[in-house]
C-alpha atoms as a PDB file:
ATOM      1  CA  MET A   1     107.971  93.977 157.191  1.00  0.00           C
ATOM      2  CA  SER A   2     105.251  96.539 156.400  1.00  0.00           C
ATOM      3  CA  THR A   3     103.411  96.538 153.058  1.00  0.00           C
ATOM      4  CA  ALA A   4     101.579  99.776 151.655  1.00  0.00           C
ATOM      5  CA  THR A   5      97.931  99.442 150.472  1.00  0.00           C
ATOM      6  CA  CYS A   6      96.219 100.842 147.404  1.00  0.00           C
ATOM      7  CA  ARG A   7      92.596 101.314 147.496  1.00  0.00           C
ATOM      8  CA  PHE A   8      90.411 102.967 144.886  1.00  0.00           C
ATOM      9  CA  GLU A   9      87.181 102.383 143.299  1.00  0.00           C
ATOM     10  CA  ILE A  10      86.894 101.949 139.394  1.00  0.00           C
ATOM     11  CA  THR A  11      83.876 104.204 138.314  1.00  0.00           C
ATOM     12  CA  PRO A  12      82.424 105.011 134.860  1.00  0.00           C
ATOM     13  CA  GLN A  13      84.638 108.034 134.997  1.00  0.00           C
ATOM     14  CA  HIS A  14      87.714 105.917 134.640  1.00  0.00           C
ATOM     15  CA  LEU A  15      86.779 105.163 130.877  1.00  0.00           C
ATOM     16  CA  ILE A  16      89.795 104.209 128.888  1.00  0.00           C
ATOM     17  CA  LEU A  17      89.624 104.867 125.003  1.00  0.00           C
ATOM     18  CA  ILE A  18      91.773 102.491 122.900  1.00  0.00           C
ATOM     19  CA  LYS A  19      92.611 103.656 119.501  1.00  0.00           C
ATOM     20  CA  GLY A  20      92.593 100.808 117.129  1.00  0.00           C
ATOM     21  CA  ALA A  21      91.116  97.478 117.579  1.00  0.00           C
ATOM     22  CA  GLY A  22      93.576  95.126 116.208  1.00  0.00           C
ATOM     23  CA  GLU A  23      94.957  92.046 117.683  1.00  0.00           C
ATOM     24  CA  MET A  24      97.332  93.999 120.319  1.00  0.00           C
ATOM     25  CA  ALA A  25      94.741  96.592 121.000  1.00  0.00           C
ATOM     26  CA  THR A  26      92.277  93.632 121.735  1.00  0.00           C
ATOM     27  CA  GLY A  27      94.463  92.140 124.291  1.00  0.00           C
ATOM     28  CA  CYS A  28      94.835  95.204 126.060  1.00  0.00           C
ATOM     29  CA  ALA A  29      91.054  95.669 125.967  1.00  0.00           C
ATOM     30  CA  HIS A  30      90.324  92.077 127.336  1.00  0.00           C
ATOM     31  CA  ARG A  31      92.676  92.565 130.172  1.00  0.00           C
ATOM     32  CA  LEU A  32      91.451  96.082 131.222  1.00  0.00           C
ATOM     33  CA  TRP A  33      87.841  94.822 130.772  1.00  0.00           C
ATOM     34  CA  ARG A  34      88.586  91.866 132.833  1.00  0.00           C
ATOM     35  CA  ALA A  35      90.020  94.270 135.753  1.00  0.00           C
ATOM     36  CA  GLY A  36      86.699  96.133 135.488  1.00  0.00           C
ATOM     37  CA  PHE A  37      87.433  99.205 133.520  1.00  0.00           C
ATOM     38  CA  PRO A  38      85.112 100.618 131.068  1.00  0.00           C
ATOM     39  CA  ILE A  39      86.450 100.395 127.601  1.00  0.00           C
ATOM     40  CA  VAL A  40      85.626 102.152 124.166  1.00  0.00           C
ATOM     41  CA  MET A  41      87.552 101.291 121.138  1.00  0.00           C
ATOM     42  CA  THR A  42      87.979 103.180 117.661  1.00  0.00           C
ATOM     43  CA  GLU A  43      88.601 101.870 114.311  1.00  0.00           C
ATOM     44  CA  LEU A  44      88.945 102.740 110.509  1.00  0.00           C
ATOM     45  CA  PRO A  45      86.025 102.039 108.024  1.00  0.00           C
ATOM     46  CA  ARG A  46      88.015  99.219 106.488  1.00  0.00           C
ATOM     47  CA  PRO A  47      90.680  97.995 109.093  1.00  0.00           C
ATOM     48  CA  LEU A  48      93.309  95.771 107.515  1.00  0.00           C
ATOM     49  CA  CYS A  49      93.433  93.217 110.577  1.00  0.00           C
ATOM     50  CA  VAL A  50      94.811  89.808 109.881  1.00  0.00           C
ATOM     51  CA  ARG A  51      94.075  87.988 113.024  1.00  0.00           C
ATOM     52  CA  ARG A  52      90.462  88.743 112.737  1.00  0.00           C
ATOM     53  CA  THR A  53      89.055  85.913 115.056  1.00  0.00           C
ATOM     54  CA  VAL A  54      90.819  87.638 118.184  1.00  0.00           C
ATOM     55  CA  SER A  55      90.627  91.250 116.986  1.00  0.00           C
ATOM     56  CA  PHE A  56      87.498  93.395 117.872  1.00  0.00           C
ATOM     57  CA  ALA A  57      88.137  95.392 114.568  1.00  0.00           C
ATOM     58  CA  GLN A  58      86.297  92.587 113.132  1.00  0.00           C
ATOM     59  CA  THR A  59      83.101  94.061 114.407  1.00  0.00           C
ATOM     60  CA  VAL A  60      83.304  96.908 111.687  1.00  0.00           C
ATOM     61  CA  TYR A  61      82.637  93.750 109.049  1.00  0.00           C
ATOM     62  CA  THR A  62      80.521  91.568 111.385  1.00  0.00           C
ATOM     63  CA  GLY A  63      78.758  93.840 113.896  1.00  0.00           C
ATOM     64  CA  ARG A  64      79.917  92.056 116.964  1.00  0.00           C
ATOM     65  CA  LEU A  65      82.664  89.594 118.194  1.00  0.00           C
ATOM     66  CA  GLU A  66      83.346  87.662 121.386  1.00  0.00           C
ATOM     67  CA  VAL A  67      87.051  86.834 122.256  1.00  0.00           C
ATOM     68  CA  GLU A  68      87.622  84.596 125.405  1.00  0.00           C
ATOM     69  CA  GLY A  69      84.216  85.702 127.078  1.00  0.00           C
ATOM     70  CA  VAL A  70      84.442  89.286 126.291  1.00  0.00           C
ATOM     71  CA  ARG A  71      82.069  90.940 123.679  1.00  0.00           C
ATOM     72  CA  ALA A  72      82.509  93.925 121.548  1.00  0.00           C
ATOM     73  CA  VAL A  73      79.750  95.323 119.271  1.00  0.00           C
ATOM     74  CA  LEU A  74      79.944  97.967 116.427  1.00  0.00           C
ATOM     75  CA  ALA A  75      78.363 101.201 117.812  1.00  0.00           C
ATOM     76  CA  GLU A  76      77.631 104.821 116.921  1.00  0.00           C
ATOM     77  CA  ALA A  77      78.953 107.558 119.438  1.00  0.00           C
ATOM     78  CA  GLU A  78      75.513 107.987 120.926  1.00  0.00           C
ATOM     79  CA  GLU A  79      75.137 104.205 121.679  1.00  0.00           C
ATOM     80  CA  ILE A  80      78.321 104.176 123.631  1.00  0.00           C
ATOM     81  CA  PRO A  81      76.561 104.376 127.129  1.00  0.00           C
ATOM     82  CA  ALA A  82      73.839 101.747 126.429  1.00  0.00           C
ATOM     83  CA  VAL A  83      76.627  99.301 125.063  1.00  0.00           C
ATOM     84  CA  LEU A  84      78.496  99.556 128.382  1.00  0.00           C
ATOM     85  CA  ALA A  85      75.649  99.297 130.445  1.00  0.00           C
ATOM     86  CA  LYS A  86      75.197  95.760 128.685  1.00  0.00           C
ATOM     87  CA  GLY A  87      78.521  94.849 129.849  1.00  0.00           C
ATOM     88  CA  GLU A  88      79.862  95.054 126.143  1.00  0.00           C
ATOM     89  CA  ILE A  89      82.831  97.062 124.518  1.00  0.00           C
ATOM     90  CA  PRO A  90      81.552  99.604 121.879  1.00  0.00           C
ATOM     91  CA  VAL A  91      83.821  99.884 118.729  1.00  0.00           C
ATOM     92  CA  VAL A  92      83.279 103.126 117.020  1.00  0.00           C
ATOM     93  CA  ILE A  93      84.371 104.054 113.609  1.00  0.00           C
ATOM     94  CA  ASP A  94      86.363 107.128 114.116  1.00  0.00           C
ATOM     95  CA  PRO A  95      88.850 107.868 111.258  1.00  0.00           C
ATOM     96  CA  ALA A  96      89.292 111.566 112.255  1.00  0.00           C
ATOM     97  CA  GLY A  97      89.909 110.939 116.061  1.00  0.00           C
ATOM     98  CA  GLU A  98      87.195 113.011 116.921  1.00  0.00           C
ATOM     99  CA  LEU A  99      85.854 110.668 119.782  1.00  0.00           C
ATOM    100  CA  VAL A 100      88.576 111.584 122.114  1.00  0.00           C
ATOM    101  CA  ARG A 101      87.636 115.281 122.214  1.00  0.00           C
ATOM    102  CA  SER A 102      83.840 114.539 122.845  1.00  0.00           C
ATOM    103  CA  LEU A 103      84.125 111.556 125.209  1.00  0.00           C
ATOM    104  CA  ARG A 104      86.968 113.083 127.176  1.00  0.00           C
ATOM    105  CA  PRO A 105      88.258 109.678 128.667  1.00  0.00           C
ATOM    106  CA  TRP A 106      90.279 109.411 131.922  1.00  0.00           C
ATOM    107  CA  CYS A 107      92.882 107.325 129.901  1.00  0.00           C
ATOM    108  CA  VAL A 108      93.858 107.033 126.063  1.00  0.00           C
ATOM    109  CA  VAL A 109      95.849 104.147 124.900  1.00  0.00           C
ATOM    110  CA  ASP A 110      97.322 104.369 121.300  1.00  0.00           C
ATOM    111  CA  ALA A 111      97.215 100.696 120.205  1.00  0.00           C
ATOM    112  CA  ARG A 112      97.495 101.150 116.497  1.00  0.00           C
ATOM    113  CA  LEU A 113     100.994 100.097 116.219  1.00  0.00           C
ATOM    114  CA  ALA A 114     101.785 102.692 113.454  1.00  0.00           C
ATOM    115  CA  LYS A 115     105.508 102.727 114.130  1.00  0.00           C
ATOM    116  CA  VAL A 116     105.221 106.421 114.232  1.00  0.00           C
ATOM    117  CA  ASN A 117     102.949 108.701 116.479  1.00  0.00           C
ATOM    118  CA  PRO A 118      99.982 109.451 114.397  1.00  0.00           C
ATOM    119  CA  GLY A 119      98.941 112.387 116.308  1.00  0.00           C
ATOM    120  CA  THR A 120      98.416 111.201 119.843  1.00  0.00           C
ATOM    121  CA  ARG A 121      99.329 113.993 122.766  1.00  0.00           C
ATOM    122  CA  ARG A 122      99.829 113.622 126.162  1.00  0.00           C
ATOM    123  CA  ASP A 123      97.210 116.171 127.048  1.00  0.00           C
ATOM    124  CA  GLU A 124      94.426 114.300 125.453  1.00  0.00           C
ATOM    125  CA  ALA A 125      93.608 112.433 128.991  1.00  0.00           C
ATOM    126  CA  GLN A 126      94.957 112.218 132.394  1.00  0.00           C
ATOM    127  CA  LEU A 127      97.018 109.089 131.578  1.00  0.00           C
ATOM    128  CA  VAL A 128      98.040 108.661 127.852  1.00  0.00           C
ATOM    129  CA  ILE A 129      99.732 105.296 126.991  1.00  0.00           C
ATOM    130  CA  GLY A 130     101.497 104.437 123.342  1.00  0.00           C
ATOM    131  CA  LEU A 131     102.354 101.096 122.192  1.00  0.00           C
ATOM    132  CA  GLY A 132     105.823 100.435 120.963  1.00  0.00           C
ATOM    133  CA  PRO A 133     108.137 102.531 118.429  1.00  0.00           C
ATOM    134  CA  GLY A 134     107.008 106.041 117.571  1.00  0.00           C
ATOM    135  CA  PHE A 135     106.076 107.241 120.969  1.00  0.00           C
ATOM    136  CA  THR A 136     108.530 108.819 123.714  1.00  0.00           C
ATOM    137  CA  ALA A 137     107.478 108.527 127.352  1.00  0.00           C
ATOM    138  CA  GLY A 138     107.803 112.034 128.994  1.00  0.00           C
ATOM    139  CA  GLU A 139     107.146 113.809 125.655  1.00  0.00           C
ATOM    140  CA  ASP A 140     103.993 113.053 123.835  1.00  0.00           C
ATOM    141  CA  VAL A 141     102.770 110.001 126.381  1.00  0.00           C
ATOM    142  CA  HIS A 142     103.163 109.405 129.706  1.00  0.00           C
ATOM    143  CA  ALA A 143     104.237 105.805 129.487  1.00  0.00           C
ATOM    144  CA  VAL A 144     105.163 103.744 126.554  1.00  0.00           C
ATOM    145  CA  ILE A 145     104.640  99.805 126.486  1.00  0.00           C
ATOM    146  CA  GLU A 146     107.477  97.609 124.938  1.00  0.00           C
ATOM    147  CA  THR A 147     106.164  95.628 121.890  1.00  0.00           C
ATOM    148  CA  ALA A 148     109.147  93.816 120.639  1.00  0.00           C
ATOM    149  CA  ARG A 149     109.204  90.213 121.244  1.00  0.00           C
ATOM    150  CA  GLY A 150     112.032  88.891 124.011  1.00  0.00           C
ATOM    151  CA  HIS A 151     113.199  89.859 127.368  1.00  0.00           C
ATOM    152  CA  TYR A 152     111.479  93.220 127.661  1.00  0.00           C
ATOM    153  CA  LEU A 153     108.221  92.514 125.987  1.00  0.00           C
ATOM    154  CA  GLY A 154     105.460  94.156 128.088  1.00  0.00           C
ATOM    155  CA  ARG A 155     107.803  96.315 129.973  1.00  0.00           C
ATOM    156  CA  VAL A 156     106.222  99.844 131.108  1.00  0.00           C
ATOM    157  CA  ILE A 157     108.791 102.675 129.950  1.00  0.00           C
ATOM    158  CA  TYR A 158     108.473 105.972 131.687  1.00  0.00           C
ATOM    159  CA  THR A 159     111.388 107.890 130.293  1.00  0.00           C
ATOM    160  CA  GLY A 160     112.271 107.633 126.483  1.00  0.00           C
ATOM    161  CA  PRO A 161     111.035 105.138 123.633  1.00  0.00           C
ATOM    162  CA  ALA A 162     110.374 101.500 122.972  1.00  0.00           C
ATOM    163  CA  LEU A 163     113.118  99.570 121.137  1.00  0.00           C
ATOM    164  CA  THR A 164     113.474 100.329 117.430  1.00  0.00           C
ATOM    165  CA  ASN A 165     111.491  98.461 115.170  1.00  0.00           C
ATOM    166  CA  THR A 166     113.337  95.835 113.291  1.00  0.00           C
ATOM    167  CA  GLY A 167     110.960  95.057 110.741  1.00  0.00           C
ATOM    168  CA  VAL A 168     111.597  91.249 111.321  1.00  0.00           C
ATOM    169  CA  PRO A 169     108.574  89.406 112.356  1.00  0.00           C
ATOM    170  CA  GLY A 170     109.143  87.695 115.860  1.00  0.00           C
ATOM    171  CA  GLU A 171     110.204  83.847 115.794  1.00  0.00           C
ATOM    172  CA  ILE A 172     107.592  81.302 116.668  1.00  0.00           C
ATOM    173  CA  ALA A 173     108.706  77.527 116.691  1.00  0.00           C
ATOM    174  CA  GLY A 174     111.864  78.554 114.678  1.00  0.00           C
ATOM    175  CA  LYS A 175     109.927  80.250 111.955  1.00  0.00           C
ATOM    176  CA  SER A 176     110.147  84.059 111.443  1.00  0.00           C
ATOM    177  CA  SER A 177     109.528  85.762 108.038  1.00  0.00           C
ATOM    178  CA  GLU A 178     108.505  82.732 106.429  1.00  0.00           C
ATOM    179  CA  ARG A 179     105.297  82.499 108.335  1.00  0.00           C
ATOM    180  CA  VAL A 180     103.879  85.839 107.204  1.00  0.00           C
ATOM    181  CA  LEU A 181     101.766  85.932 104.099  1.00  0.00           C
ATOM    182  CA  ARG A 182     102.207  88.903 102.059  1.00  0.00           C
ATOM    183  CA  ALA A 183     100.510  90.654  98.869  1.00  0.00           C
ATOM    184  CA  THR A 184     102.283  89.519  95.932  1.00  0.00           C
ATOM    185  CA  GLY A 185     100.471  92.019  93.881  1.00  0.00           C
ATOM    186  CA  ALA A 186      97.980  94.897  93.712  1.00  0.00           C
ATOM    187  CA  GLY A 187      94.275  94.296  93.805  1.00  0.00           C
ATOM    188  CA  THR A 188      91.408  92.688  95.508  1.00  0.00           C
ATOM    189  CA  PHE A 189      92.384  90.257  98.086  1.00  0.00           C
ATOM    190  CA  ARG A 190      90.610  86.825  97.933  1.00  0.00           C
ATOM    191  CA  PRO A 191      91.482  84.178 100.427  1.00  0.00           C
ATOM    192  CA  LEU A 192      91.104  80.632  99.556  1.00  0.00           C
ATOM    193  CA  VAL A 193      91.393  79.173 103.012  1.00  0.00           C
ATOM    194  CA  GLU A 194      89.840  79.865 106.344  1.00  0.00           C
ATOM    195  CA  ILE A 195      91.451  80.932 109.629  1.00  0.00           C
ATOM    196  CA  GLY A 196      92.279  77.637 111.329  1.00  0.00           C
ATOM    197  CA  ALA A 197      92.886  75.422 107.996  1.00  0.00           C
ATOM    198  CA  GLU A 198      95.970  73.455 107.738  1.00  0.00           C
ATOM    199  CA  VAL A 199      98.233  74.255 104.811  1.00  0.00           C
ATOM    200  CA  LYS A 200     101.260  72.935 103.317  1.00  0.00           C
ATOM    201  CA  ALA A 201     104.460  74.702 102.058  1.00  0.00           C
ATOM    202  CA  GLY A 202     103.747  75.696  98.354  1.00  0.00           C
ATOM    203  CA  GLN A 203     100.044  75.440  98.677  1.00  0.00           C
ATOM    204  CA  LEU A 204      98.100  78.409  96.939  1.00  0.00           C
ATOM    205  CA  VAL A 205      96.249  80.305  99.921  1.00  0.00           C
ATOM    206  CA  ALA A 206      95.100  83.702  98.083  1.00  0.00           C
ATOM    207  CA  TRP A 207      94.825  85.799  95.241  1.00  0.00           C
ATOM    208  CA  CYS A 208      96.058  89.622  95.232  1.00  0.00           C
ATOM    209  CA  GLY A 209      94.144  90.746  92.103  1.00  0.00           C
ATOM    210  CA  ARG A 210      95.871  88.305  89.627  1.00  0.00           C
ATOM    211  CA  ALA A 211      98.896  87.438  91.695  1.00  0.00           C
ATOM    212  CA  PRO A 212      98.897  84.148  93.712  1.00  0.00           C
ATOM    213  CA  VAL A 213      99.845  83.971  97.294  1.00  0.00           C
ATOM    214  CA  THR A 214     101.355  80.623  98.428  1.00  0.00           C
ATOM    215  CA  ALA A 215     102.498  79.243 101.845  1.00  0.00           C
ATOM    216  CA  ALA A 216     106.039  79.087 102.518  1.00  0.00           C
ATOM    217  CA  ILE A 217     105.760  76.589 105.554  1.00  0.00           C
ATOM    218  CA  ASP A 218     103.457  73.907 106.835  1.00  0.00           C
ATOM    219  CA  GLY A 219     101.165  74.792 109.608  1.00  0.00           C
ATOM    220  CA  LEU A 220      97.673  76.277 110.489  1.00  0.00           C
ATOM    221  CA  VAL A 221      96.270  79.616 109.030  1.00  0.00           C
ATOM    222  CA  ARG A 222      96.108  81.769 112.138  1.00  0.00           C
ATOM    223  CA  GLY A 223      95.250  84.982 110.476  1.00  0.00           C
ATOM    224  CA  MET A 224      93.871  86.022 107.243  1.00  0.00           C
ATOM    225  CA  LEU A 225      92.857  89.411 105.828  1.00  0.00           C
ATOM    226  CA  HIS A 226      89.123  90.264 105.409  1.00  0.00           C
ATOM    227  CA  PRO A 227      88.034  89.348 101.520  1.00  0.00           C
ATOM    228  CA  GLY A 228      87.288  92.123  99.415  1.00  0.00           C
ATOM    229  CA  LEU A 229      90.054  94.527 100.588  1.00  0.00           C
ATOM    230  CA  GLU A 230      92.134  96.325  98.215  1.00  0.00           C
ATOM    231  CA  VAL A 231      95.821  95.506  98.878  1.00  0.00           C
ATOM    232  CA  SER A 232      99.268  96.642  97.639  1.00  0.00           C
ATOM    233  CA  PRO A 233     102.381  94.477  97.266  1.00  0.00           C
ATOM    234  CA  GLY A 234     104.262  93.765 100.397  1.00  0.00           C
ATOM    235  CA  LEU A 235     101.303  94.570 102.531  1.00  0.00           C
ATOM    236  CA  LYS A 236     100.746  91.556 105.409  1.00  0.00           C
ATOM    237  CA  VAL A 237      97.680  89.565 104.299  1.00  0.00           C
ATOM    238  CA  GLY A 238      98.063  86.417 106.611  1.00  0.00           C
ATOM    239  CA  ASP A 239      99.806  84.387 109.231  1.00  0.00           C
ATOM    240  CA  ILE A 240     100.901  80.516 109.385  1.00  0.00           C
ATOM    241  CA  ASP A 241     101.287  79.199 112.691  1.00  0.00           C
ATOM    242  CA  PRO A 242     103.799  76.235 112.453  1.00  0.00           C
ATOM    243  CA  ARG A 243     102.881  74.785 115.953  1.00  0.00           C
ATOM    244  CA  GLY A 244      99.495  73.055 114.727  1.00  0.00           C
ATOM    245  CA  ASP A 245      97.274  74.056 117.479  1.00  0.00           C
ATOM    246  CA  ARG A 246      93.947  75.159 116.374  1.00  0.00           C
ATOM    247  CA  ALA A 247      93.062  76.758 119.936  1.00  0.00           C
ATOM    248  CA  MET A 248      95.853  79.514 119.198  1.00  0.00           C
ATOM    249  CA  CYS A 249      94.002  80.590 116.178  1.00  0.00           C
ATOM    250  CA  ARG A 250      91.047  81.682 118.424  1.00  0.00           C
ATOM    251  CA  THR A 251      92.656  82.907 121.644  1.00  0.00           C
ATOM    252  CA  ILE A 252      94.740  85.805 122.725  1.00  0.00           C
ATOM    253  CA  SER A 253      98.417  85.438 121.902  1.00  0.00           C
ATOM    254  CA  GLU A 254     101.220  85.504 124.439  1.00  0.00           C
ATOM    255  CA  LYS A 255     102.460  88.702 123.022  1.00  0.00           C
ATOM    256  CA  ALA A 256      98.973  90.762 123.001  1.00  0.00           C
ATOM    257  CA  ARG A 257      98.380  89.409 126.668  1.00  0.00           C
ATOM    258  CA  ALA A 258     101.740  90.485 127.681  1.00  0.00           C
ATOM    259  CA  ILE A 259     101.405  93.822 126.212  1.00  0.00           C
ATOM    260  CA  GLY A 260      97.985  94.243 127.860  1.00  0.00           C
ATOM    261  CA  GLY A 261      99.446  93.295 131.184  1.00  0.00           C
ATOM    262  CA  GLY A 262     101.873  96.178 130.497  1.00  0.00           C
ATOM    263  CA  VAL A 263      98.888  98.558 130.045  1.00  0.00           C
ATOM    264  CA  LEU A 264      96.989  97.457 132.999  1.00  0.00           C
ATOM    265  CA  GLU A 265     100.235  98.024 135.103  1.00  0.00           C
ATOM    266  CA  ALA A 266     100.696 101.383 134.027  1.00  0.00           C
ATOM    267  CA  VAL A 267      96.942 102.185 134.619  1.00  0.00           C
ATOM    268  CA  LEU A 268      97.058 100.726 138.119  1.00  0.00           C
ATOM    269  CA  ALA A 269     100.119 102.578 138.865  1.00  0.00           C
ATOM    270  CA  ARG A 270      98.735 105.693 138.208  1.00  0.00           C
ATOM    271  CA  LEU A 271      95.656 104.855 140.297  1.00  0.00           C
ATOM    272  CA  CYS A 272      97.670 103.764 143.168  1.00  0.00           C
ATOM    273  CA  GLY A 273     100.524 106.510 142.956  1.00  0.00           C
ATOM    274  CA  ARG A 274     103.191 103.996 142.153  1.00  0.00           C
ATOM    275  CA  GLU A 275     104.539 105.752 138.863  1.00  0.00           C
ATOM    276  CA  PRO A 276     108.326 106.421 139.259  1.00  0.00           C
ATOM    277  CA  ALA A 277     109.377 109.855 140.178  1.00  0.00           C
ATOM    278  CA  ALA A 278     110.237 111.713 136.916  1.00  0.00           C
END
């Protein structure tokens, strides 16, 4: 039985621009960076990121962050080459999406999980990948990565869309919607507990303006919105993990790692000429 070989060299020309630097985007960046690809990420001036300890979006507030041995730093566009040369991932504030036009990356990954396409086009790079609902492979992107928990999580789709968003959080240790903390009112968000803290059902964990937010279940705080952000009712502001393992508060989740694996597969399939025929 013969096996085909695939040989290529990853060069600076294989630059991958990831739109968004939240939890899932960071899982993608981590896998691609470990595989040797140069990465640039873009973010908003005030990102609404809940899992801050494992999201490179946090660099907007802290300047730098390390996740499982990979470092990212907040940078200006002109600093990108120097940051990459130091072995770090630059995160650039780019609300208007101008960087993709000036950088001309080899690959673009829209990892903003907006549930609709915010304007990403298939002609933005040689390979354009969208995460989850809102994208259609073969139309606005070359490939879509399934983001719904379950049997198809991380699958690369080359024709058509991902599964429709249900609006129901994935189940963890038998808990679904009740593990998510949501804003109970409008105003400034003020957390009362840190990520990694143990909380009990009914415990006051944050304020949204003058409205209290209480935990619905026992567990560890796995995510919490950055203090001082303005929130509106219903916005996700935190996440409680019922499994009680503090290591999970500071490591990439199985979902983010699986989605990152799907992105890596799509990238390698393009380089190796293994994409399915249209």
